[in-house]
Amino acid sequence: MSKTWTTSTTDTTPSPLLEVPEAALGDLRARLRGTRWAEPWPVTEWQAGTDSKELRRLTEYWSDGYDWRAHETEINALPSHFAEIEGMTVHYLRFDAERVGTLPPLVLTNGWPSTFYELVELARRLSTPSSYGGDPQHAFTVIVPSLPGFTFSSPPPSLTAQSPPTHELWHRLMRDELGFEHYGAHGGDLGSGITARLGQAHPESVVGIHLLDILSTPPDPTAAQLTDEEREYLTTFGAWSQEEGAYAHQQRTRPMTLAQGLSDSPSGLLGWMLEKYRSWSDCEGNLSTRFTDDFLLTQASLYWFTNTIGTSFIPYYASGQGLIPKLDRVEVPTALALFPANLGAPAPRGFVERKYHLTRYTTMPRGGHFPAHEEPELLAGDITEFFRSVS
């Protein structure tokens, strides 16, 4: 039997996020114009990392063409709110459903190097489907929190096992602050782990979880227990980690060494992010096929003006220090949407079923690590169909 979902009565008056002082904007432009460029190497384009020509082009546009004020106005017009939870400030966007029906409220969680900004188009499609040719009966109320230490949410007050994990903050936000007794959750990258732990910890409230990837180690990953398909998957994922995973190792082990350079140099910050957007998206090596210059620079500007690139590494370090709760098994209904250019290799269905109560397994025709931006229509459709099936 389908349920009827209600919205909360919490005050929903949006709060403006930021007004960057002219001095800060001028400082950014001066740093960009004064960039000391690394000596070139005898390699081709992206062979050894971020292509210097592309980075120079975007750096010049960031300093002399990109209109931050226009994007600042756009961001301030979003339905932003703040909640105080466990001594932390949690920023979130709230998109109310155009029509309350049978679908639950949703909390969407991004990964790294993304921000809340990347999820706006997806949230709009889910909350107002009629604007995109969909059925208004299939509308969700959508909550998009900023991860702790990302842009406008404060970082954890301490790095100990006693600090509230992000999934508990999300549960407090959804249930206690917003009044949703039952809700669904979606996430990718870091957001997948948070979403999975949310489903594991609170099956009484979470009606289902929709993921873009999974934690890659099964409960007992001994050779005798793995199928040939699973062994091949782990081998492929290991090869990807060897080639592409240096960023995660650095952010997990010595993040403050990296954080200082990226917090002081906007071109360095941009270079660190650009490589990920190119390597992890379904762009076939050409960033412009998936991302506009303005989108990439707005993401970088959000990190720069809030000085949060360093604190965005905290989840990696916390994981490396064993401070993130273990995922045993998720019993709530689980959907996995596999986009072909996402990190590593697509996890076999049987592998996923070792840890998750998998009820939907979708192989997408295109898209990568950033499907909320790359393929919002495909992703919104899969989320909608899944939650229609469990509501």
Protein backbone atom coordinates (compact mmCIF):
# COMPACT_ATOMS: atom_id res chain seq x y z
CA MET A 1 0.00 0.00 0.00
CA SER A 2 1.38 3.42 -0.91
CA LYS A 3 1.91 6.03 1.77
CA THR A 4 1.00 9.71 1.64
CA TRP A 5 3.94 11.89 2.55
CA THR A 6 3.62 15.24 4.24
CA THR A 7 5.94 18.19 4.33
CA SER A 8 7.23 19.69 7.55
CA THR A 9 6.03 22.95 9.05
CA THR A 10 9.53 24.30 9.66
CA ASP A 11 10.05 27.92 8.57
CA THR A 12 11.27 27.86 4.97
CA THR A 13 12.25 31.50 4.47
CA PRO A 14 15.50 31.39 2.45
CA SER A 15 18.62 32.95 3.93
CA PRO A 16 21.20 34.61 1.64
CA LEU A 17 24.52 32.84 1.67
CA LEU A 18 27.29 35.28 0.92
CA GLU A 19 28.39 38.65 -0.33
CA VAL A 20 32.06 38.48 -1.19
CA PRO A 21 33.76 41.79 -0.33
CA GLU A 22 35.30 43.67 -3.22
CA ALA A 23 38.68 43.36 -1.50
CA ALA A 24 38.41 39.55 -1.53
CA LEU A 25 37.40 39.53 -5.18
CA GLY A 26 40.28 41.84 -6.01
CA ASP A 27 42.70 39.65 -4.08
CA LEU A 28 41.59 36.59 -6.04
CA ARG A 29 42.08 38.36 -9.36
CA ALA A 30 45.49 39.65 -8.33
CA ARG A 31 46.62 36.16 -7.30
CA LEU A 32 45.40 34.73 -10.60
CA ARG A 33 47.15 37.43 -12.64
CA GLY A 34 50.34 36.92 -10.65
CA THR A 35 50.43 33.14 -11.00
CA ARG A 36 53.92 31.71 -11.09
CA TRP A 37 53.65 28.91 -13.63
CA ALA A 38 55.43 25.60 -13.33
CA GLU A 39 58.16 24.87 -15.86
CA PRO A 40 56.72 22.85 -18.76
CA TRP A 41 57.53 19.18 -19.18
CA PRO A 42 58.19 17.30 -22.44
CA VAL A 43 54.81 15.54 -22.23
CA THR A 44 51.59 15.91 -24.16
CA GLU A 45 48.59 17.75 -22.76
CA TRP A 46 47.05 15.77 -19.83
CA GLN A 47 49.64 12.98 -19.85
CA ALA A 48 51.22 13.90 -16.51
CA GLY A 49 48.33 15.74 -14.89
CA THR A 50 46.38 18.92 -15.57
CA ASP A 51 47.14 20.36 -18.99
CA SER A 52 49.02 23.65 -18.54
CA LYS A 53 47.43 25.29 -21.60
CA GLU A 54 43.90 24.55 -20.43
CA LEU A 55 44.74 25.69 -16.91
CA ARG A 56 46.24 28.94 -18.20
CA ARG A 57 43.19 29.60 -20.35
CA LEU A 58 40.77 29.11 -17.46
CA THR A 59 42.96 31.03 -15.05
CA GLU A 60 42.98 34.01 -17.41
CA TYR A 61 39.20 33.83 -17.80
CA TRP A 62 38.74 33.54 -14.02
CA SER A 63 40.77 36.70 -13.51
CA ASP A 64 39.42 38.88 -16.32
CA GLY A 65 36.19 37.51 -17.83
CA TYR A 66 34.30 35.37 -15.35
CA ASP A 67 31.45 37.28 -13.69
CA TRP A 68 31.43 36.12 -10.06
CA ARG A 69 28.77 38.65 -9.09
CA ALA A 70 26.25 37.10 -11.49
CA HIS A 71 26.82 33.66 -10.00
CA GLU A 72 26.80 35.04 -6.48
CA THR A 73 23.32 36.45 -7.19
CA GLU A 74 22.23 33.08 -8.59
CA ILE A 75 23.52 31.22 -5.52
CA ASN A 76 21.94 33.69 -3.10
CA ALA A 77 18.59 33.15 -4.83
CA LEU A 78 18.66 29.43 -3.97
CA PRO A 79 16.43 28.25 -1.09
CA SER A 80 19.20 28.12 1.52
CA HIS A 81 18.69 27.49 5.22
CA PHE A 82 20.83 26.71 8.26
CA ALA A 83 20.39 24.38 11.20
CA GLU A 84 22.41 24.06 14.39
CA ILE A 85 22.97 20.37 15.14
CA GLU A 86 25.37 18.92 17.71
CA GLY A 87 27.19 22.24 17.91
CA MET A 88 27.66 22.40 14.14
CA THR A 89 26.15 24.67 11.53
CA VAL A 90 24.58 22.70 8.70
CA HIS A 91 23.73 24.53 5.52
CA TYR A 92 21.08 23.02 3.27
CA LEU A 93 18.86 23.79 0.30
CA ARG A 94 15.19 22.92 0.45
CA PHE A 95 13.10 22.42 -2.69
CA ASP A 96 9.46 21.77 -1.81
CA ALA A 97 7.48 19.32 -3.91
CA GLU A 98 5.16 21.02 -6.37
CA ARG A 99 2.49 18.56 -5.25
CA VAL A 100 2.53 16.35 -2.15
CA GLY A 101 1.76 12.79 -3.15
CA THR A 102 3.04 9.28 -2.60
CA LEU A 103 6.79 9.91 -2.83
CA PRO A 104 8.93 10.51 0.28
CA PRO A 105 11.10 13.52 1.06
CA LEU A 106 14.66 12.98 -0.18
CA VAL A 107 18.06 13.98 1.12
CA LEU A 108 20.73 14.23 -1.62
CA THR A 109 24.43 14.05 -0.76
CA ASN A 110 27.29 14.98 -3.08
CA GLY A 111 30.87 13.78 -3.07
CA TRP A 112 34.26 15.39 -3.71
CA PRO A 113 35.24 17.73 -5.37
CA SER A 114 31.58 18.61 -5.77
CA THR A 115 29.41 21.00 -3.75
CA PHE A 116 25.69 21.52 -3.16
CA TYR A 117 25.74 23.64 -6.34
CA GLU A 118 26.19 20.57 -8.50
CA LEU A 119 22.91 19.05 -7.24
CA VAL A 120 20.64 22.03 -7.94
CA GLU A 121 19.45 20.91 -11.38
CA LEU A 122 18.71 17.40 -10.10
CA ALA A 123 16.82 18.77 -7.10
CA ARG A 124 14.68 20.96 -9.36
CA ARG A 125 13.84 18.04 -11.63
CA LEU A 126 12.81 15.93 -8.66
CA SER A 127 10.77 18.61 -6.90
CA THR A 128 9.05 20.13 -9.96
CA PRO A 129 8.89 17.35 -12.57
CA SER A 130 6.15 19.13 -14.53
CA SER A 131 8.68 21.79 -15.51
CA TYR A 132 10.60 19.04 -17.35
CA GLY A 133 7.64 17.24 -18.90
CA GLY A 134 7.08 14.90 -15.96
CA ASP A 135 4.12 14.04 -13.76
CA PRO A 136 3.60 16.45 -10.82
CA GLN A 137 2.32 13.48 -8.80
CA HIS A 138 5.89 12.18 -8.83
CA ALA A 139 7.38 15.18 -7.04
CA PHE A 140 9.69 14.98 -4.04
CA THR A 141 10.52 17.52 -1.37
CA VAL A 142 14.30 17.60 -1.75
CA ILE A 143 16.90 18.53 0.87
CA VAL A 144 20.49 19.17 -0.26
CA PRO A 145 22.83 19.63 2.71
CA SER A 146 26.40 20.85 2.42
CA LEU A 147 28.81 18.30 3.84
CA PRO A 148 30.61 19.30 7.06
CA GLY A 149 33.58 21.47 6.12
CA PHE A 150 32.28 22.01 2.56
CA THR A 151 31.41 25.62 1.65
CA PHE A 152 28.81 26.80 4.19
CA SER A 153 28.61 23.93 6.71
CA SER A 154 31.06 24.10 9.60
CA PRO A 155 33.68 21.37 9.91
CA PRO A 156 33.53 18.88 12.78
CA PRO A 157 34.59 20.50 16.08
CA SER A 158 37.02 17.63 16.71
CA LEU A 159 38.39 14.59 14.93
CA THR A 160 37.52 11.85 17.39
CA ALA A 161 35.26 8.83 17.43
CA GLN A 162 32.89 10.90 19.57
CA SER A 163 32.25 13.48 16.86
CA PRO A 164 28.82 12.96 15.25
CA PRO A 165 29.21 11.19 11.89
CA THR A 166 27.65 12.91 8.92
CA HIS A 167 24.88 10.36 8.50
CA GLU A 168 23.70 11.10 12.05
CA LEU A 169 23.67 14.83 11.31
CA TRP A 170 21.54 14.12 8.24
CA HIS A 171 19.11 12.03 10.30
CA ARG A 172 18.81 14.78 12.89
CA LEU A 173 18.26 17.31 10.11
CA MET A 174 15.58 15.29 8.35
CA ARG A 175 13.71 13.99 11.39
CA ASP A 176 14.26 16.47 14.23
CA GLU A 177 14.79 19.75 12.39
CA LEU A 178 12.48 19.24 9.40
CA GLY A 179 9.97 16.84 10.91
CA PHE A 180 10.21 14.02 8.35
CA GLU A 181 9.52 10.75 10.18
CA HIS A 182 10.22 8.79 6.99
CA TYR A 183 12.40 9.78 4.06
CA GLY A 184 14.61 8.47 1.27
CA ALA A 185 18.26 9.18 0.51
CA HIS A 186 20.52 9.40 -2.53
CA GLY A 187 24.28 9.85 -2.75
CA GLY A 188 27.40 9.41 -4.84
CA ASP A 189 31.11 9.15 -3.96
CA LEU A 190 31.43 10.30 -0.33
CA GLY A 191 27.66 10.68 -0.46
CA SER A 192 27.25 6.97 -1.22
CA GLY A 193 29.02 6.00 1.98
CA ILE A 194 27.04 8.52 4.01
CA THR A 195 23.78 7.37 2.45
CA ALA A 196 24.57 3.69 3.02
CA ARG A 197 25.41 4.28 6.68
CA LEU A 198 22.24 6.32 7.06
CA GLY A 199 20.20 3.39 5.78
CA GLN A 200 22.05 0.94 8.02
CA ALA A 201 21.68 3.07 11.15
CA HIS A 202 18.07 4.20 10.72
CA PRO A 203 15.95 1.63 8.88
CA GLU A 204 12.97 2.81 10.92
CA SER A 205 13.05 6.13 9.06
CA VAL A 206 14.87 5.53 5.77
CA VAL A 207 12.48 3.95 3.25
CA GLY A 208 15.23 3.27 0.72
CA ILE A 209 18.62 4.43 -0.55
CA HIS A 210 19.74 5.21 -4.10
CA LEU A 211 23.49 5.02 -4.75
CA LEU A 212 25.92 5.76 -7.55
CA ASP A 213 28.67 3.52 -6.19
CA ILE A 214 29.36 1.22 -3.27
CA LEU A 215 32.03 0.57 -0.69
CA SER A 216 34.23 -1.83 -2.63
CA THR A 217 35.20 -4.41 0.00
CA PRO A 218 32.74 -7.25 0.71
CA PRO A 219 32.19 -8.54 4.29
CA ASP A 220 34.67 -11.41 3.89
CA PRO A 221 36.73 -10.80 0.76
CA THR A 222 38.64 -14.11 0.73
CA ALA A 223 39.51 -15.66 -2.58
CA ALA A 224 37.41 -18.72 -1.88
CA GLN A 225 34.26 -16.66 -1.46
CA LEU A 226 34.64 -14.53 -4.57
CA THR A 227 33.33 -15.41 -7.99
CA ASP A 228 35.50 -14.94 -11.07
CA GLU A 229 33.45 -11.86 -11.95
CA GLU A 230 34.05 -10.37 -8.49
CA ARG A 231 37.79 -11.07 -8.65
CA GLU A 232 37.96 -9.36 -12.03
CA TYR A 233 36.07 -6.38 -10.62
CA LEU A 234 38.47 -6.03 -7.68
CA THR A 235 41.48 -6.37 -9.99
CA THR A 236 40.12 -3.67 -12.29
CA PHE A 237 39.29 -1.40 -9.38
CA GLY A 238 42.77 -1.94 -7.95
CA ALA A 239 44.36 -0.99 -11.26
CA TRP A 240 42.23 2.17 -11.38
CA SER A 241 43.29 3.05 -7.82
CA GLN A 242 46.94 2.59 -8.76
CA GLU A 243 46.59 4.93 -11.74
CA GLU A 244 44.09 7.48 -10.40
CA GLY A 245 44.05 7.16 -6.62
CA ALA A 246 47.02 9.32 -5.57
CA TYR A 247 44.69 12.19 -4.65
CA ALA A 248 42.80 10.01 -2.16
CA HIS A 249 45.99 8.68 -0.58
CA GLN A 250 47.32 12.21 -0.08
CA GLN A 251 44.01 13.51 1.27
CA ARG A 252 43.73 10.50 3.56
CA THR A 253 47.27 10.58 4.96
CA ARG A 254 48.82 14.09 4.73
CA PRO A 255 45.95 16.44 3.85
CA MET A 256 47.29 19.55 5.60
CA THR A 257 50.43 19.54 3.46
CA LEU A 258 48.25 19.75 0.37
CA ALA A 259 45.67 22.07 1.94
CA GLN A 260 48.12 24.94 2.46
CA GLY A 261 49.14 25.14 -1.17
CA LEU A 262 45.58 24.90 -2.49
CA SER A 263 44.30 27.45 0.03
CA ASP A 264 46.97 29.97 -1.02
CA SER A 265 46.98 29.50 -4.79
CA PRO A 266 43.72 29.73 -6.76
CA SER A 267 45.40 28.39 -9.90
CA GLY A 268 46.67 25.44 -7.86
CA LEU A 269 43.18 24.82 -6.50
CA LEU A 270 41.72 24.98 -10.00
CA GLY A 271 44.35 22.61 -11.37
CA TRP A 272 43.66 20.07 -8.62
CA MET A 273 39.93 20.12 -9.38
CA LEU A 274 40.11 20.25 -13.19
CA GLU A 275 41.97 16.98 -13.47
CA LYS A 276 39.19 15.21 -11.56
CA TYR A 277 36.37 16.71 -13.61
CA ARG A 278 38.11 15.62 -16.81
CA SER A 279 39.27 12.17 -15.70
CA TRP A 280 36.07 11.16 -13.93
CA SER A 281 33.43 12.44 -16.35
CA ASP A 282 32.10 11.04 -19.60
CA CYS A 283 33.75 13.84 -21.60
CA GLU A 284 36.14 11.75 -23.73
CA GLY A 285 38.99 14.03 -22.75
CA ASN A 286 37.22 17.28 -23.64
CA LEU A 287 35.89 19.10 -20.57
CA SER A 288 33.74 21.46 -22.62
CA THR A 289 31.47 18.62 -23.76
CA ARG A 290 30.19 18.24 -20.19
CA PHE A 291 31.03 21.40 -18.26
CA THR A 292 30.96 25.08 -19.10
CA ASP A 293 33.84 27.26 -17.99
CA ASP A 294 31.46 29.14 -15.71
CA PHE A 295 30.30 25.97 -13.96
CA LEU A 296 33.86 24.84 -13.23
CA LEU A 297 34.91 28.28 -12.03
CA THR A 298 31.83 28.65 -9.83
CA GLN A 299 32.70 25.37 -8.11
CA ALA A 300 36.28 26.53 -7.61
CA SER A 301 35.10 29.98 -6.45
CA LEU A 302 32.83 28.44 -3.81
CA TYR A 303 35.78 26.57 -2.35
CA TRP A 304 38.04 29.62 -2.66
CA PHE A 305 35.81 32.26 -1.09
CA THR A 306 34.78 29.98 1.80
CA ASN A 307 38.39 28.71 2.20
CA THR A 308 37.13 25.15 2.57
CA ILE A 309 39.22 23.08 0.18
CA GLY A 310 41.35 22.01 3.16
CA THR A 311 38.40 21.06 5.36
CA SER A 312 36.83 19.17 2.44
CA PHE A 313 39.64 16.63 2.92
CA ILE A 314 38.47 15.77 6.45
CA PRO A 315 36.28 12.79 5.40
CA TYR A 316 39.30 11.19 3.73
CA TYR A 317 41.50 11.69 6.78
CA ALA A 318 38.77 10.52 9.15
CA SER A 319 38.41 7.35 7.09
CA GLY A 320 42.15 6.75 7.17
CA GLN A 321 42.15 7.18 10.96
CA GLY A 322 39.31 4.70 11.43
CA LEU A 323 36.88 7.37 12.67
CA ILE A 324 34.04 6.58 10.28
CA PRO A 325 31.58 3.87 11.41
CA LYS A 326 31.92 0.50 9.69
CA LEU A 327 29.33 -0.54 7.15
CA ASP A 328 28.15 -4.07 7.89
CA ARG A 329 24.95 -4.65 5.94
CA VAL A 330 22.20 -2.37 4.68
CA GLU A 331 18.77 -3.97 4.95
CA VAL A 332 16.63 -1.15 3.56
CA PRO A 333 15.78 -1.39 -0.15
CA THR A 334 18.76 -0.25 -2.20
CA ALA A 335 19.14 0.94 -5.79
CA LEU A 336 22.44 1.23 -7.62
CA ALA A 337 22.77 3.33 -10.78
CA LEU A 338 26.00 2.61 -12.62
CA PHE A 339 27.27 5.31 -14.96
CA PRO A 340 29.96 3.95 -17.31
CA ALA A 341 32.61 6.65 -16.82
CA ASN A 342 32.37 6.66 -13.01
CA LEU A 343 35.41 5.72 -10.92
CA GLY A 344 36.90 2.27 -11.32
CA ALA A 345 34.64 -0.41 -12.74
CA PRO A 346 30.94 -1.23 -12.36
CA ALA A 347 30.36 -3.51 -9.38
CA PRO A 348 28.76 -6.87 -10.28
CA ARG A 349 25.26 -7.36 -8.94
CA GLY A 350 26.23 -10.31 -6.76
CA PHE A 351 29.04 -8.31 -5.22
CA VAL A 352 26.64 -5.52 -4.28
CA GLU A 353 24.19 -7.99 -2.78
CA ARG A 354 26.82 -9.07 -0.24
CA LYS A 355 26.26 -5.83 1.68
CA TYR A 356 23.04 -4.32 0.41
CA HIS A 357 19.40 -5.35 0.06
CA LEU A 358 19.57 -4.61 -3.64
CA THR A 359 16.20 -4.20 -5.36
CA ARG A 360 17.19 -2.12 -8.40
CA TYR A 361 20.39 -2.35 -10.48
CA THR A 362 20.61 0.00 -13.46
CA THR A 363 23.40 0.22 -16.03
CA MET A 364 23.26 3.67 -17.59
CA PRO A 365 24.11 4.30 -21.27
CA ARG A 366 26.34 7.31 -20.59
CA GLY A 367 27.59 9.61 -17.84
CA GLY A 368 30.35 9.63 -15.27
CA HIS A 369 31.13 10.60 -11.70
CA PHE A 370 29.03 13.77 -11.83
CA PRO A 371 25.68 12.55 -13.22
CA ALA A 372 23.61 15.16 -11.40
CA HIS A 373 25.29 17.63 -13.77
CA GLU A 374 26.20 15.37 -16.70
CA GLU A 375 22.94 13.41 -16.98
CA PRO A 376 20.32 14.91 -14.64
CA GLU A 377 17.40 13.53 -16.66
CA LEU A 378 18.67 9.95 -16.52
CA LEU A 379 19.48 10.20 -12.83
CA ALA A 380 16.19 11.85 -11.86
CA GLY A 381 14.27 9.20 -13.76
CA ASP A 382 16.05 6.35 -12.02
CA ILE A 383 15.60 7.91 -8.58
CA THR A 384 11.90 8.48 -9.25
CA GLU A 385 11.25 4.94 -10.47
CA PHE A 386 13.06 3.43 -7.51
CA PHE A 387 11.19 5.40 -4.87
CA ARG A 388 7.89 4.79 -6.63
CA SER A 389 8.61 1.08 -6.21
CA VAL A 390 9.34 1.27 -2.46
CA SER A 391 6.75 3.88 -1.41
